[in-house]
Amino acid sequence: MEQNLSNAVSILVVGMITVLLILWFVVIIGNLLIRVTNKYWPAPQNEGKTGTGIRTISSGTIAAIMAAVEAVTGGEGKVTKIEKE
């Protein structure tokens, strides 16, 4: 009985260490891939253009924002401008 328990614990420890090492390698390789991608293929820079206002936001999002403002203010609030921060 004691031998079986010892074998089970050793297999558990080896398995957990193996999983942790593989996950660590995935994180390291992912970070390296992100760094190489950002270095050689950077994202295009925003040239300071501002959005065209409310037209760039989907109608469902606008409806949700208006409903939330109406619910919080009891119908007294009004949405005049929506900006992304």
Protein backbone atom coordinates (compact mmCIF):
# COMPACT_ATOMS: atom_id res chain seq x y z
CA MET A 1 0.00 0.00 0.00
CA GLU A 2 2.77 2.39 0.93
CA GLN A 3 4.62 1.64 -2.32
CA ASN A 4 1.51 2.46 -4.39
CA LEU A 5 1.05 5.77 -2.59
CA SER A 6 4.72 6.64 -3.09
CA ASN A 7 4.47 5.88 -6.81
CA ALA A 8 1.30 7.94 -7.13
CA VAL A 9 2.88 10.94 -5.41
CA SER A 10 6.03 10.75 -7.54
CA ILE A 11 3.97 10.53 -10.75
CA LEU A 12 1.89 13.49 -9.57
CA VAL A 13 4.98 15.60 -8.86
CA VAL A 14 6.63 14.72 -12.18
CA GLY A 15 3.40 15.50 -14.05
CA MET A 16 2.93 18.86 -12.34
CA ILE A 17 6.55 19.88 -12.97
CA THR A 18 6.20 18.86 -16.63
CA VAL A 19 3.02 20.92 -17.06
CA LEU A 20 4.62 23.95 -15.40
CA LEU A 21 7.69 23.70 -17.63
CA ILE A 22 5.60 23.42 -20.79
CA LEU A 23 3.47 26.40 -19.80
CA TRP A 24 6.61 28.38 -18.99
CA PHE A 25 7.98 27.58 -22.47
CA VAL A 26 4.69 28.68 -24.05
CA VAL A 27 4.86 32.02 -22.23
CA ILE A 28 8.52 32.58 -23.18
CA ILE A 29 7.95 31.67 -26.83
CA GLY A 30 4.81 33.83 -26.95
CA ASN A 31 6.66 36.84 -25.55
CA LEU A 32 9.52 36.36 -28.00
CA LEU A 33 7.07 36.10 -30.90
CA ILE A 34 5.32 39.29 -29.80
CA ARG A 35 8.62 41.18 -29.47
CA VAL A 36 9.89 40.04 -32.88
CA THR A 37 6.57 40.85 -34.53
CA ASN A 38 6.43 44.32 -32.97
CA LYS A 39 10.05 45.01 -33.92
CA TYR A 40 9.89 44.01 -37.58
CA TRP A 41 6.18 44.55 -38.38
CA PRO A 42 4.99 47.40 -36.14
CA ALA A 43 1.36 48.46 -36.11
CA PRO A 44 0.56 51.55 -38.19
CA GLN A 45 0.68 54.73 -36.18
CA ASN A 46 -2.44 56.84 -35.71
CA GLU A 47 -1.74 60.17 -37.35
CA GLY A 48 -3.80 62.17 -34.88
CA LYS A 49 -7.03 61.84 -36.81
CA THR A 50 -10.03 62.01 -34.60
CA GLY A 51 -13.02 59.82 -35.18
CA THR A 52 -15.98 61.08 -37.11
CA GLY A 53 -18.04 61.05 -33.96
CA ILE A 54 -21.01 58.88 -33.21
CA ARG A 55 -21.02 57.24 -36.65
CA THR A 56 -17.99 55.09 -35.82
CA ILE A 57 -19.80 53.38 -32.94
CA SER A 58 -22.22 50.57 -33.70
CA SER A 59 -25.93 51.27 -33.26
CA GLY A 60 -26.25 48.53 -30.64
CA THR A 61 -23.55 50.15 -28.51
CA ILE A 62 -25.21 53.56 -28.84
CA ALA A 63 -28.56 52.09 -27.79
CA ALA A 64 -26.96 50.40 -24.77
CA ILE A 65 -25.25 53.62 -23.68
CA MET A 66 -28.47 55.62 -24.04
CA ALA A 67 -30.45 53.01 -22.11
CA ALA A 68 -27.86 52.99 -19.33
CA VAL A 69 -27.88 56.80 -19.06
CA GLU A 70 -31.68 56.84 -19.01
CA ALA A 71 -31.79 54.15 -16.30
CA VAL A 72 -29.21 55.85 -14.10
CA THR A 73 -30.58 59.39 -14.40
CA GLY A 74 -34.25 58.43 -14.29
CA GLY A 75 -34.91 59.74 -17.79
CA GLU A 76 -33.47 63.21 -17.09
CA GLY A 77 -30.04 62.65 -18.65
CA LYS A 78 -29.21 63.17 -22.31
CA VAL A 79 -26.31 61.74 -24.33
CA THR A 80 -24.72 64.55 -26.35
CA LYS A 81 -21.27 63.19 -27.11
CA ILE A 82 -19.60 59.79 -26.98
CA GLU A 83 -15.79 59.64 -26.87
CA LYS A 84 -13.45 56.70 -26.59
CA GLU A 85 -10.68 57.15 -24.07
